[in-house]
Amino acid sequence: MAETSNKQLRTIAPPFVALGPSGVSIRDRLKNLTPQDEEVLRLVGAHLGSLASKDLKARCADGLEHSTTTWAGRKRDLTAVSSSRWAGSITKATHDQWALARRGQAAHLQSLEAGVKTVAHRLSLPIGEKGSKRAPGGYRSKGEWFHKRRRLHLLEGRLAEVRADREAGIVHVARGGRKLLNTRHNLDAARLTEPEWRQKWQAARWLLSADGESGKRFGNETIRITPEGEVSIKLPAPLADLANAKHGRYTLAAKVSFPHRGTESADRVQANRAVAYRIHYDVARQRWYVDASWTFPIVATVSMQTALAQGVIGVDTNADHLAAWRLDPHGNPVGQPRRFFYDLSGTADHRDAQVRHALSRLLNWAKTCGVAAITVEDLDFADSKTREKHGRKRRLRQLISGMPTGKLRARLTSMADATGIAIIAVDPAYTSMWGAQHLQKPMHAPTRKTSRHDAASIAIGRRAQGHPIRRRTAPPRNDQSDRYGHRTVQARPETLGREETRRPVTDRAHDARARTGTTPRTRATSASTTVRDARSDQGWVQDSPLLTD
């Protein structure tokens, strides 16, 4: 940004090393299940799901009046129709779901408040008034102003309703998901029949999950998986007659062997450490799966100096690709920029796979380069996607919404932790603007055209290293480096790859003679003449003495 700009810039937050993941979740398919096994799983899941629905209704009715006494009473009632451990799993799932709905309600309230504020501001401006970079202007026509006035009343009504619900502790939750619930009214658009939707709805409301407990046999007394892969379930009291093993347990015919982190899972099971399991049914594939998850304490991250010792890779996140460039410890770009593309169209599984493949290629390249850190922006577009803020800029809203900021951040930290690469998060303010202003043009080469995203990746990496985004400071006074010293922000001459290769001074002199047909003139002096090429790496060049009469 130019120093002469009058716009007040916000404070840039310091970079920090992102924390690694705090847990692990792995999955395997339950193969070779008998019809009896599937029937038992359906009965247990439907019974426990019904109890979970009733418990969630009771928890929502308590609202802000919830206490340990009411929680103990609910758990005691559930124990009579299931078991003590099943009751604990149900009540914990209920509390987690209520807390998630409460957080979503707070986010929705904040979005409505921002929308009301923006629309009211634009309505207060004259029609056709232009906006600035920090605030939108007035509406374009009287018709648009009229419709936005009606929308303001609608938003204010919704805001008052949501605010009243939050103050009263009321949340609206649908077990199975609101999206699947609304699909019931649009079966033709979803290409589903009523029986197919009903099957998905029932499977989504089943509950077959149990938290682990350290010190118990194999880390879980409710759903148990032995080191040999045998799966058994503690049946609820009403279904105890279906047991085929001791102590009211049912053993499945399927054997489980987790292909990913299987050794780590087996070690936890052998040591009787807590492991949580979840059994669920995929209606589309008609397959049963089991998930194993556990948590571990977050270890102390590496220091910033250690992470930046071997340089860094700056990454600029975009809607369809990651722009990356490697920087040496002095903040200078090394080599060529790289791009890792992904396609976020299609199903959620396809989008997730595209993000994972792009991050895998990025991490593999980082290991090849030998760097120990990757720098990304700490992006959060939660308050920048509303149509009230961007108006008719639908393509811009779609572009911002399409960036997988949250998913990419979570995936990158977890995948980088397994490879030993640190993730450094920096403030995203002005990286694209200043990168394009100070870095895009200087990084052009005869065989490479630097894009705005490539320049932003350099700016992101330099910000993590503590360097200013502008590569060079102002020259010394009178431009005399011998008297006042060289510029302070430059790489040392021995640093490899600090700049593009330049032709020697003799080649340029030869080209000048070829174009003009004459030899370059030198200044006549009484002593020897000295010529300096400011752009050359040759230093000082001594001419032959000039002969005079």
Protein backbone atom coordinates (compact mmCIF):
# COMPACT_ATOMS: atom_id res chain seq x y z
CA MET A 1 0.00 0.00 0.00
CA ALA A 2 1.35 3.44 -0.85
CA GLU A 3 2.59 5.49 2.04
CA THR A 4 0.63 8.52 0.79
CA SER A 5 -2.73 6.79 1.17
CA ASN A 6 -5.04 8.45 3.67
CA LYS A 7 -7.01 5.29 4.42
CA GLN A 8 -6.49 4.07 7.95
CA LEU A 9 -5.20 0.50 7.93
CA ARG A 10 -6.18 -1.99 10.56
CA THR A 11 -3.63 -3.57 12.85
CA ILE A 12 -1.99 -6.71 11.47
CA ALA A 13 -2.19 -9.64 13.89
CA PRO A 14 1.11 -11.48 14.47
CA PRO A 15 1.57 -14.92 12.86
CA PHE A 16 1.34 -18.04 14.98
CA VAL A 17 2.00 -21.76 14.64
CA ALA A 18 -1.35 -23.57 14.40
CA LEU A 19 -2.09 -26.31 16.89
CA GLY A 20 -2.24 -29.87 15.68
CA PRO A 21 -5.29 -32.14 15.85
CA SER A 22 -6.62 -33.24 19.22
CA GLY A 23 -8.18 -36.53 18.13
CA VAL A 24 -8.30 -39.31 15.55
CA SER A 25 -11.21 -40.96 13.75
CA ILE A 26 -10.82 -44.06 11.56
CA ARG A 27 -13.35 -46.21 9.74
CA ASP A 28 -13.75 -49.77 8.50
CA ARG A 29 -16.55 -51.69 6.84
CA LEU A 30 -18.44 -54.46 8.61
CA LYS A 31 -18.25 -57.25 6.06
CA ASN A 32 -19.87 -60.69 6.00
CA LEU A 33 -22.74 -59.75 8.32
CA THR A 34 -25.49 -62.36 8.57
CA PRO A 35 -29.16 -61.40 8.19
CA GLN A 36 -29.53 -61.98 11.93
CA ASP A 37 -26.69 -59.53 12.62
CA GLU A 38 -28.29 -56.82 10.49
CA GLU A 39 -31.67 -57.36 12.14
CA VAL A 40 -30.17 -57.02 15.61
CA LEU A 41 -28.32 -53.84 14.61
CA ARG A 42 -31.54 -52.35 13.22
CA LEU A 43 -33.53 -53.20 16.35
CA VAL A 44 -30.89 -51.84 18.73
CA GLY A 45 -30.38 -48.68 16.67
CA ALA A 46 -34.12 -47.98 16.41
CA HIS A 47 -34.68 -48.56 20.14
CA LEU A 48 -31.80 -46.36 21.26
CA GLY A 49 -32.70 -43.73 18.65
CA SER A 50 -36.21 -43.51 20.04
CA LEU A 51 -34.81 -43.01 23.54
CA ALA A 52 -32.43 -40.34 22.24
CA SER A 53 -35.32 -38.44 20.60
CA LYS A 54 -37.28 -38.40 23.83
CA ASP A 55 -34.25 -37.32 25.83
CA LEU A 56 -33.51 -34.49 23.38
CA LYS A 57 -37.10 -33.30 23.70
CA ALA A 58 -36.76 -33.25 27.49
CA ARG A 59 -33.45 -31.39 27.28
CA CYS A 60 -34.90 -28.74 24.97
CA ALA A 61 -37.86 -28.32 27.33
CA ASP A 62 -35.46 -27.61 30.22
CA GLY A 63 -33.82 -24.78 28.30
CA LEU A 64 -31.64 -22.60 30.49
CA GLU A 65 -33.02 -24.25 33.62
CA HIS A 66 -30.93 -27.36 33.02
CA SER A 67 -28.94 -28.58 36.02
CA THR A 68 -27.14 -31.67 37.24
CA THR A 69 -30.31 -32.72 39.08
CA THR A 70 -32.41 -32.80 35.90
CA TRP A 71 -29.58 -34.54 34.04
CA ALA A 72 -29.36 -37.24 36.72
CA GLY A 73 -33.12 -37.76 36.58
CA ARG A 74 -33.07 -38.20 32.79
CA LYS A 75 -30.19 -40.63 32.99
CA ARG A 76 -31.92 -42.64 35.70
CA ASP A 77 -35.05 -42.99 33.56
CA LEU A 78 -33.01 -44.10 30.55
CA THR A 79 -31.07 -46.69 32.55
CA ALA A 80 -34.27 -48.61 33.30
CA VAL A 81 -34.98 -49.16 29.57
CA SER A 82 -31.39 -49.59 28.33
CA SER A 83 -28.30 -49.75 30.59
CA SER A 84 -26.25 -47.31 32.61
CA ARG A 85 -23.59 -46.94 29.93
CA TRP A 86 -26.11 -46.62 27.12
CA ALA A 87 -27.88 -43.95 29.18
CA GLY A 88 -24.61 -42.05 29.57
CA SER A 89 -23.97 -42.17 25.82
CA ILE A 90 -27.49 -40.96 25.04
CA THR A 91 -27.39 -38.03 27.45
CA LYS A 92 -23.94 -36.97 26.25
CA ALA A 93 -25.11 -37.04 22.62
CA THR A 94 -28.13 -34.97 23.65
CA HIS A 95 -26.00 -32.35 25.38
CA ASP A 96 -23.63 -32.11 22.42
CA GLN A 97 -26.51 -31.67 19.97
CA TRP A 98 -28.19 -29.01 22.12
CA ALA A 99 -24.90 -27.11 22.49
CA LEU A 100 -24.31 -27.26 18.73
CA ALA A 101 -27.79 -25.88 18.08
CA ARG A 102 -27.12 -23.13 20.60
CA ARG A 103 -23.91 -22.11 18.80
CA GLY A 104 -25.68 -22.17 15.45
CA GLN A 105 -28.40 -19.96 16.88
CA ALA A 106 -25.79 -17.43 18.03
CA ALA A 107 -24.20 -17.38 14.56
CA HIS A 108 -27.63 -16.92 12.95
CA LEU A 109 -28.39 -14.06 15.31
CA GLN A 110 -25.12 -12.35 14.45
CA SER A 111 -25.81 -12.74 10.72
CA LEU A 112 -29.28 -11.21 11.06
CA GLU A 113 -27.92 -8.26 13.05
CA ALA A 114 -25.28 -7.59 10.37
CA GLY A 115 -27.92 -7.81 7.63
CA VAL A 116 -30.27 -5.38 9.38
CA LYS A 117 -27.45 -2.92 9.97
CA THR A 118 -26.29 -3.03 6.34
CA VAL A 119 -29.75 -2.69 4.81
CA ALA A 120 -30.69 0.14 7.16
CA HIS A 121 -27.48 1.98 6.28
CA ARG A 122 -28.08 1.68 2.53
CA LEU A 123 -31.69 2.77 2.89
CA SER A 124 -30.57 5.91 4.72
CA LEU A 125 -28.39 7.01 1.78
CA PRO A 126 -29.71 8.85 -1.28
CA ILE A 127 -30.64 6.70 -4.25
CA GLY A 128 -27.70 6.17 -6.58
CA GLU A 129 -25.01 7.33 -4.17
CA LYS A 130 -21.75 5.48 -4.70
CA GLY A 131 -20.16 3.49 -1.94
CA SER A 132 -16.60 3.16 -0.78
CA LYS A 133 -14.33 0.21 -0.19
CA ARG A 134 -15.40 0.07 3.44
CA ALA A 135 -19.15 0.70 3.13
CA PRO A 136 -21.73 0.09 0.38
CA GLY A 137 -23.58 2.95 -1.23
CA GLY A 138 -27.24 3.64 -1.79
CA TYR A 139 -29.57 1.52 -3.89
CA ARG A 140 -29.73 2.04 -7.62
CA SER A 141 -33.41 2.75 -8.14
CA LYS A 142 -36.64 3.47 -6.31
CA GLY A 143 -37.90 -0.03 -7.06
CA GLU A 144 -34.88 -1.66 -5.47
CA TRP A 145 -35.17 0.73 -2.52
CA PHE A 146 -38.82 -0.28 -2.05
CA HIS A 147 -38.08 -4.03 -2.11
CA LYS A 148 -35.16 -3.62 0.30
CA ARG A 149 -37.40 -1.67 2.62
CA ARG A 150 -39.74 -4.65 2.75
CA ARG A 151 -36.79 -6.97 3.29
CA LEU A 152 -35.66 -4.85 6.21
CA HIS A 153 -39.01 -5.39 7.93
CA LEU A 154 -38.71 -9.13 7.26
CA LEU A 155 -35.18 -9.28 8.71
CA GLU A 156 -36.22 -7.28 11.75
CA GLY A 157 -39.07 -9.71 12.40
CA ARG A 158 -36.75 -12.70 12.14
CA LEU A 159 -34.20 -10.98 14.35
CA ALA A 160 -36.77 -10.32 17.06
CA GLU A 161 -37.94 -13.94 16.94
CA VAL A 162 -34.46 -15.43 17.12
CA ARG A 163 -33.43 -13.02 19.88
CA ALA A 164 -36.50 -13.95 21.94
CA ASP A 165 -35.75 -17.67 21.50
CA ARG A 166 -32.16 -17.21 22.59
CA GLU A 167 -33.10 -15.24 25.68
CA ALA A 168 -35.62 -17.93 26.60
CA GLY A 169 -33.18 -20.80 25.88
CA ILE A 170 -35.29 -22.26 23.05
CA VAL A 171 -33.51 -24.10 20.24
CA HIS A 172 -34.95 -25.86 17.20
CA VAL A 173 -33.32 -29.24 16.56
CA ALA A 174 -34.24 -32.08 14.20
CA ARG A 175 -32.65 -35.47 14.85
CA GLY A 176 -31.61 -36.79 11.48
CA GLY A 177 -30.86 -33.36 10.03
CA ARG A 178 -33.04 -30.51 8.87
CA LYS A 179 -31.82 -30.91 5.29
CA LEU A 180 -33.08 -34.48 5.11
CA LEU A 181 -36.31 -33.43 6.81
CA ASN A 182 -37.00 -30.75 4.18
CA THR A 183 -36.22 -33.25 1.43
CA ARG A 184 -39.50 -34.97 2.33
CA HIS A 185 -41.34 -32.06 0.72
CA ASN A 186 -39.20 -32.14 -2.45
CA LEU A 187 -38.91 -35.82 -3.32
CA ASP A 188 -39.09 -35.18 -7.07
CA ALA A 189 -36.17 -32.75 -6.99
CA ALA A 190 -34.18 -35.19 -4.83
CA ARG A 191 -35.10 -38.11 -7.14
CA LEU A 192 -36.36 -40.18 -4.23
CA THR A 193 -39.49 -42.13 -3.56
CA GLU A 194 -41.29 -41.96 -0.25
CA PRO A 195 -40.06 -45.44 0.90
CA GLU A 196 -36.46 -44.55 -0.06
CA TRP A 197 -36.64 -41.30 1.88
CA ARG A 198 -38.21 -43.08 4.84
CA GLN A 199 -35.34 -45.56 4.91
CA LYS A 200 -32.76 -42.76 4.94
CA TRP A 201 -34.67 -40.88 7.63
CA GLN A 202 -34.88 -43.88 9.92
CA ALA A 203 -31.19 -44.77 9.46
CA ALA A 204 -30.17 -41.18 10.24
CA ARG A 205 -32.11 -41.26 13.53
CA TRP A 206 -30.65 -44.53 14.77
CA LEU A 207 -28.14 -44.38 17.61
CA LEU A 208 -25.36 -46.94 17.89
CA SER A 209 -22.51 -44.97 19.43
CA ALA A 210 -20.76 -45.38 22.77
CA ASP A 211 -17.96 -43.44 24.41
CA GLY A 212 -14.93 -45.27 25.69
CA GLU A 213 -13.70 -45.57 29.23
CA SER A 214 -10.06 -45.95 30.25
CA GLY A 215 -9.29 -48.86 32.51
CA LYS A 216 -12.13 -51.03 31.20
CA ARG A 217 -11.58 -54.10 29.10
CA PHE A 218 -10.44 -53.08 25.61
CA GLY A 219 -11.35 -49.46 26.35
CA ASN A 220 -15.13 -49.77 25.90
CA GLU A 221 -17.70 -51.88 27.72
CA THR A 222 -20.71 -51.04 25.51
CA ILE A 223 -19.33 -51.59 22.00
CA ARG A 224 -16.21 -53.74 22.22
CA ILE A 225 -13.66 -54.58 19.53
CA THR A 226 -10.96 -57.03 20.49
CA PRO A 227 -7.39 -56.94 19.13
CA GLU A 228 -8.39 -59.83 16.84
CA GLY A 229 -11.19 -57.69 15.33
CA GLU A 230 -14.20 -59.31 17.01
CA VAL A 231 -17.13 -56.89 17.50
CA SER A 232 -19.67 -57.31 20.29
CA ILE A 233 -22.47 -55.06 21.59
CA LYS A 234 -24.08 -54.77 25.00
CA LEU A 235 -27.80 -55.17 24.31
CA PRO A 236 -30.36 -52.90 26.01
CA ALA A 237 -32.58 -54.52 28.65
CA PRO A 238 -35.70 -54.93 26.41
CA LEU A 239 -33.59 -56.74 23.75
CA ALA A 240 -31.54 -58.95 26.09
CA ASP A 241 -33.21 -62.10 24.73
CA LEU A 242 -31.34 -61.62 21.42
CA ALA A 243 -27.94 -62.15 23.06
CA ASN A 244 -25.67 -64.89 21.69
CA ALA A 245 -22.84 -64.40 24.21
CA LYS A 246 -22.40 -64.06 27.96
CA HIS A 247 -23.57 -61.09 30.04
CA GLY A 248 -26.25 -60.00 27.58
CA ARG A 249 -23.89 -59.30 24.68
CA TYR A 250 -24.31 -59.94 20.97
CA THR A 251 -21.22 -60.84 18.91
CA LEU A 252 -21.25 -60.01 15.19
CA ALA A 253 -19.92 -62.35 12.55
CA ALA A 254 -17.88 -59.56 10.93
CA LYS A 255 -14.21 -59.00 11.71
CA VAL A 256 -12.74 -55.49 11.81
CA SER A 257 -9.21 -54.51 10.80
CA PHE A 258 -8.65 -50.80 10.43
CA PRO A 259 -6.34 -50.17 7.46
CA HIS A 260 -5.48 -46.64 8.58
CA ARG A 261 -3.79 -46.21 11.98
CA GLY A 262 -4.61 -49.82 12.74
CA THR A 263 -1.44 -50.32 14.77
CA GLU A 264 -2.19 -47.29 16.91
CA SER A 265 -5.74 -48.50 17.49
CA ALA A 266 -4.54 -51.98 18.46
CA ASP A 267 -2.07 -50.50 20.94
CA ARG A 268 -4.84 -48.54 22.66
CA VAL A 269 -7.09 -51.58 22.83
CA GLN A 270 -4.31 -53.71 24.29
CA ALA A 271 -3.59 -51.07 26.93
CA ASN A 272 -7.31 -50.74 27.84
CA ARG A 273 -7.36 -47.08 26.89
CA ALA A 274 -10.61 -45.32 25.97
CA VAL A 275 -11.85 -45.75 22.40
CA ALA A 276 -15.25 -44.51 21.22
CA TYR A 277 -17.13 -46.50 18.56
CA ARG A 278 -20.01 -45.63 16.25
CA ILE A 279 -21.85 -48.11 14.03
CA HIS A 280 -23.91 -46.63 11.19
CA TYR A 281 -25.62 -47.73 7.99
CA ASP A 282 -25.09 -46.20 4.53
CA VAL A 283 -28.44 -46.49 2.77
CA ALA A 284 -27.11 -45.57 -0.69
CA ARG A 285 -24.42 -48.25 -0.62
CA GLN A 286 -26.34 -50.63 1.65
CA ARG A 287 -23.29 -51.18 3.82
CA TRP A 288 -22.56 -51.10 7.54
CA TYR A 289 -19.55 -49.22 8.88
CA VAL A 290 -17.86 -48.79 12.26
CA ASP A 291 -15.90 -45.69 13.29
CA ALA A 292 -13.27 -45.69 16.04
CA SER A 293 -12.14 -42.41 17.56
CA TRP A 294 -10.06 -41.26 20.50
CA THR A 295 -8.49 -38.06 21.78
CA PHE A 296 -5.00 -37.27 22.95
CA PRO A 297 -3.41 -34.24 24.62
CA ILE A 298 -2.16 -31.56 22.26
CA VAL A 299 1.62 -31.50 22.34
CA ALA A 300 3.51 -28.23 22.36
CA THR A 301 4.05 -26.91 18.85
CA VAL A 302 7.49 -26.12 17.51
CA SER A 303 8.79 -22.59 17.91
CA MET A 304 8.49 -20.06 15.11
CA GLN A 305 12.27 -19.89 14.69
CA THR A 306 12.56 -23.66 14.30
CA ALA A 307 9.71 -23.80 11.79
CA LEU A 308 11.22 -21.02 9.64
CA ALA A 309 14.84 -22.18 9.79
CA GLN A 310 14.79 -23.92 6.39
CA GLY A 311 12.51 -21.46 4.64
CA VAL A 312 8.76 -21.62 4.16
CA ILE A 313 6.12 -22.25 1.52
CA GLY A 314 3.51 -19.50 1.18
CA VAL A 315 0.06 -20.68 0.10
CA ASP A 316 -2.74 -18.48 -1.23
CA THR A 317 -6.18 -20.12 -1.01
CA ASN A 318 -8.55 -19.60 -3.95
CA ALA A 319 -11.88 -20.96 -5.09
CA ASP A 320 -10.39 -23.59 -7.42
CA HIS A 321 -6.68 -23.91 -6.60
CA LEU A 322 -3.88 -23.33 -4.13
CA ALA A 323 -1.13 -20.99 -5.30
CA ALA A 324 2.18 -21.81 -3.60
CA TRP A 325 5.72 -20.49 -3.78
CA ARG A 326 8.81 -21.53 -1.85
CA LEU A 327 10.74 -18.80 0.00
CA ASP A 328 14.26 -19.00 1.41
CA PRO A 329 15.01 -17.89 5.01
CA HIS A 330 15.59 -14.33 3.76
CA GLY A 331 12.10 -14.11 2.21
CA ASN A 332 13.16 -14.41 -1.44
CA PRO A 333 11.22 -16.64 -3.86
CA VAL A 334 13.10 -19.74 -4.96
CA GLY A 335 12.33 -21.72 -8.09
CA GLN A 336 9.01 -21.63 -9.87
CA PRO A 337 5.52 -21.13 -8.40
CA ARG A 338 3.28 -24.14 -8.07
CA ARG A 339 -0.48 -24.56 -8.32
CA PHE A 340 -2.59 -27.36 -6.89
CA PHE A 341 -6.05 -27.46 -8.45
CA TYR A 342 -9.26 -28.95 -7.07
CA ASP A 343 -12.84 -29.16 -8.31
CA LEU A 344 -15.52 -28.35 -5.73
CA SER A 345 -18.50 -29.37 -7.83
CA GLY A 346 -20.50 -32.51 -7.23
CA THR A 347 -21.23 -34.35 -4.01
CA ALA A 348 -19.76 -33.63 -0.60
CA ASP A 349 -17.60 -36.77 -0.76
CA HIS A 350 -16.19 -35.66 -4.11
CA ARG A 351 -15.39 -32.17 -2.80
CA ASP A 352 -13.72 -33.60 0.29
CA ALA A 353 -11.63 -35.96 -1.85
CA GLN A 354 -10.55 -33.09 -4.11
CA VAL A 355 -9.36 -31.06 -1.13
CA ARG A 356 -7.47 -34.04 0.30
CA HIS A 357 -5.74 -34.76 -3.02
CA ALA A 358 -4.65 -31.12 -3.41
CA LEU A 359 -3.28 -31.01 0.14
CA SER A 360 -1.47 -34.32 -0.38
CA ARG A 361 0.32 -32.92 -3.42
CA LEU A 362 1.19 -29.76 -1.49
CA LEU A 363 2.64 -31.69 1.46
CA ASN A 364 4.61 -34.02 -0.81
CA TRP A 365 6.14 -31.02 -2.56
CA ALA A 366 6.97 -29.44 0.82
CA LYS A 367 8.83 -32.60 1.89
CA THR A 368 10.71 -32.63 -1.42
CA CYS A 369 11.79 -29.01 -0.92
CA GLY A 370 13.00 -29.74 2.61
CA VAL A 371 11.04 -26.96 4.32
CA ALA A 372 9.51 -27.48 7.74
CA ALA A 373 6.59 -25.04 7.56
CA ILE A 374 3.69 -24.05 5.32
CA THR A 375 2.10 -20.62 5.67
CA VAL A 376 -1.62 -20.07 5.05
CA GLU A 377 -4.03 -17.24 5.70
CA ASP A 378 -6.27 -17.38 8.74
CA LEU A 379 -9.40 -16.91 6.62
CA ASP A 380 -12.95 -16.72 7.91
CA PHE A 381 -15.68 -15.52 5.54
CA ALA A 382 -18.53 -16.00 8.02
CA ASP A 383 -19.49 -12.30 7.85
CA SER A 384 -18.73 -11.72 4.16
CA LYS A 385 -21.15 -13.97 2.30
CA THR A 386 -24.48 -12.21 2.81
CA ARG A 387 -26.25 -10.53 -0.08
CA GLU A 388 -26.91 -7.52 2.13
CA LYS A 389 -23.16 -6.77 2.20
CA HIS A 390 -22.32 -7.39 -1.47
CA GLY A 391 -25.67 -6.48 -3.03
CA ARG A 392 -25.95 -7.63 -6.63
CA LYS A 393 -22.45 -9.07 -6.75
CA ARG A 394 -23.73 -12.61 -6.95
CA ARG A 395 -20.60 -13.99 -8.56
CA LEU A 396 -18.49 -12.50 -5.79
CA ARG A 397 -20.73 -14.07 -3.13
CA GLN A 398 -20.53 -17.42 -4.88
CA LEU A 399 -16.75 -17.08 -5.16
CA ILE A 400 -16.35 -16.36 -1.46
CA SER A 401 -18.77 -19.12 -0.46
CA GLY A 402 -16.95 -21.60 -2.68
CA MET A 403 -13.62 -21.25 -0.89
CA PRO A 404 -13.23 -24.25 1.45
CA THR A 405 -11.66 -22.25 4.27
CA GLY A 406 -12.86 -24.27 7.25
CA LYS A 407 -12.54 -27.68 5.63
CA LEU A 408 -9.13 -26.89 4.17
CA ARG A 409 -7.82 -25.56 7.47
CA ALA A 410 -8.95 -28.63 9.40
CA ARG A 411 -7.66 -31.05 6.76
CA LEU A 412 -4.32 -29.29 6.41
CA THR A 413 -3.53 -29.23 10.13
CA SER A 414 -4.39 -32.91 10.57
CA MET A 415 -2.53 -34.09 7.46
CA ALA A 416 0.51 -31.92 8.15
CA ASP A 417 0.75 -33.27 11.70
CA ALA A 418 1.32 -36.76 10.32
CA THR A 419 4.17 -35.52 8.09
CA GLY A 420 5.91 -33.38 10.71
CA ILE A 421 5.34 -30.10 8.86
CA ALA A 422 4.24 -27.07 10.88
CA ILE A 423 1.36 -24.85 9.76
CA ILE A 424 1.77 -21.10 10.31
CA ALA A 425 -1.34 -18.91 10.14
CA VAL A 426 -1.01 -15.23 9.24
CA ASP A 427 -3.39 -12.30 9.11
CA PRO A 428 -5.00 -12.17 5.63
CA ALA A 429 -5.25 -8.38 5.55
CA TYR A 430 -3.94 -6.75 2.34
CA THR A 431 -1.90 -9.76 1.19
CA SER A 432 -3.41 -9.84 -2.30
CA MET A 433 -3.38 -6.04 -2.65
CA TRP A 434 0.19 -5.49 -1.50
CA GLY A 435 1.44 -8.60 -3.25
CA ALA A 436 0.11 -7.36 -6.58
CA GLN A 437 1.48 -3.87 -5.94
CA HIS A 438 5.01 -4.74 -4.83
CA LEU A 439 5.73 -8.28 -6.06
CA GLN A 440 3.76 -9.14 -9.18
CA LYS A 441 5.66 -7.00 -11.67
CA PRO A 442 9.19 -7.56 -10.27
CA MET A 443 8.68 -11.34 -10.37
CA HIS A 444 7.89 -11.41 -14.09
CA ALA A 445 10.39 -13.40 -16.16
CA PRO A 446 10.80 -13.92 -19.93
CA THR A 447 9.32 -17.40 -19.68
CA ARG A 448 6.94 -16.83 -16.76
CA LYS A 449 4.12 -14.42 -16.09
CA THR A 450 3.47 -14.00 -12.39
CA SER A 451 -0.20 -13.91 -11.44
CA ARG A 452 -1.84 -11.98 -8.64
CA HIS A 453 -2.28 -15.22 -6.67
CA ASP A 454 1.40 -16.10 -7.00
CA ALA A 455 2.37 -12.67 -5.71
CA ALA A 456 -0.04 -13.10 -2.80
CA SER A 457 1.64 -16.39 -1.85
CA ILE A 458 4.98 -14.56 -1.60
CA ALA A 459 3.38 -11.87 0.56
CA ILE A 460 1.90 -14.52 2.86
CA GLY A 461 5.24 -16.26 3.28
CA ARG A 462 7.13 -13.02 3.94
CA ARG A 463 4.59 -11.96 6.55
CA ALA A 464 5.12 -15.24 8.41
CA GLN A 465 8.90 -14.69 8.34
CA GLY A 466 8.56 -11.19 9.77
CA HIS A 467 9.73 -9.44 6.59
CA PRO A 468 7.86 -6.52 5.01
CA ILE A 469 5.99 -7.42 1.86
CA ARG A 470 7.96 -4.86 -0.17
CA ARG A 471 11.24 -6.58 -1.04
CA ARG A 472 13.45 -3.47 -0.95
CA THR A 473 13.47 -0.33 1.10
CA ALA A 474 14.05 3.16 -0.28
CA PRO A 475 17.59 3.76 -1.62
CA PRO A 476 20.18 5.62 0.50
CA ARG A 477 20.54 9.38 0.34
CA ASN A 478 21.90 10.62 -2.97
CA ASP A 479 21.73 6.96 -4.12
CA GLN A 480 25.36 6.53 -2.98
CA SER A 481 25.61 3.09 -1.45
CA ASP A 482 29.34 3.32 -0.90
CA ARG A 483 28.92 6.25 1.45
CA TYR A 484 25.77 5.23 3.33
CA GLY A 485 25.71 1.47 2.87
CA HIS A 486 23.48 -0.83 0.87
CA ARG A 487 19.73 -1.23 1.23
CA THR A 488 18.79 -3.01 4.42
CA VAL A 489 16.26 -5.48 3.03
CA GLN A 490 18.22 -7.52 0.51
CA ALA A 491 19.52 -11.05 0.34
CA ARG A 492 23.22 -11.70 0.74
CA PRO A 493 25.21 -12.10 -2.51
CA GLU A 494 25.96 -15.75 -1.74
CA THR A 495 22.26 -16.69 -1.47
CA LEU A 496 21.34 -19.00 -4.35
CA GLY A 497 18.26 -18.19 -6.40
CA ARG A 498 17.82 -14.73 -4.91
CA GLU A 499 17.09 -13.15 -8.31
CA GLU A 500 16.67 -14.11 -11.94
CA THR A 501 19.80 -14.74 -13.99
CA ARG A 502 21.14 -11.58 -15.66
CA ARG A 503 23.36 -11.28 -18.68
CA PRO A 504 26.98 -10.08 -18.17
CA VAL A 505 27.83 -6.47 -18.97
CA THR A 506 29.91 -7.49 -22.01
CA ASP A 507 26.87 -9.06 -23.66
CA ARG A 508 24.84 -5.88 -23.24
CA ALA A 509 27.69 -3.80 -24.62
CA HIS A 510 27.95 -6.11 -27.63
CA ASP A 511 24.20 -5.81 -28.24
CA ALA A 512 24.44 -2.01 -28.07
CA ARG A 513 27.20 -1.94 -30.73
CA ALA A 514 25.22 -4.30 -32.95
CA ARG A 515 22.15 -2.05 -32.82
CA THR A 516 23.90 1.30 -33.37
CA GLY A 517 26.95 0.24 -35.38
CA THR A 518 29.23 2.27 -33.13
CA THR A 519 31.22 1.62 -30.02
CA PRO A 520 29.96 3.05 -26.75
CA ARG A 521 31.59 6.34 -25.84
CA THR A 522 33.50 6.85 -22.63
CA ARG A 523 34.07 10.12 -20.81
CA ALA A 524 37.50 11.65 -21.44
CA THR A 525 39.47 12.51 -18.34
CA SER A 526 43.04 13.27 -17.54
CA ALA A 527 43.36 10.02 -15.65
CA SER A 528 41.95 6.54 -16.12
CA THR A 529 38.20 6.29 -16.67
CA THR A 530 35.98 4.12 -14.49
CA VAL A 531 32.56 2.87 -15.67
CA ARG A 532 30.01 1.28 -13.35
CA ASP A 533 26.93 -0.60 -14.46
CA ALA A 534 24.42 -0.27 -11.62
CA ARG A 535 22.44 -3.34 -12.68
CA SER A 536 25.44 -5.63 -13.17
CA ASP A 537 26.89 -8.17 -10.83
CA GLN A 538 30.34 -7.55 -12.34
CA GLY A 539 31.11 -4.64 -10.01
CA TRP A 540 33.64 -2.08 -11.20
CA VAL A 541 35.11 -2.29 -14.78
CA GLN A 542 38.46 -0.55 -15.51
CA ASP A 543 38.98 0.95 -19.01
CA SER A 544 42.37 1.37 -20.67
CA PRO A 545 44.15 4.72 -20.19
CA LEU A 546 43.17 7.46 -22.66
CA LEU A 547 46.03 8.78 -24.83
CA THR A 548 46.12 12.54 -25.33
CA ASP A 549 48.57 14.91 -26.94
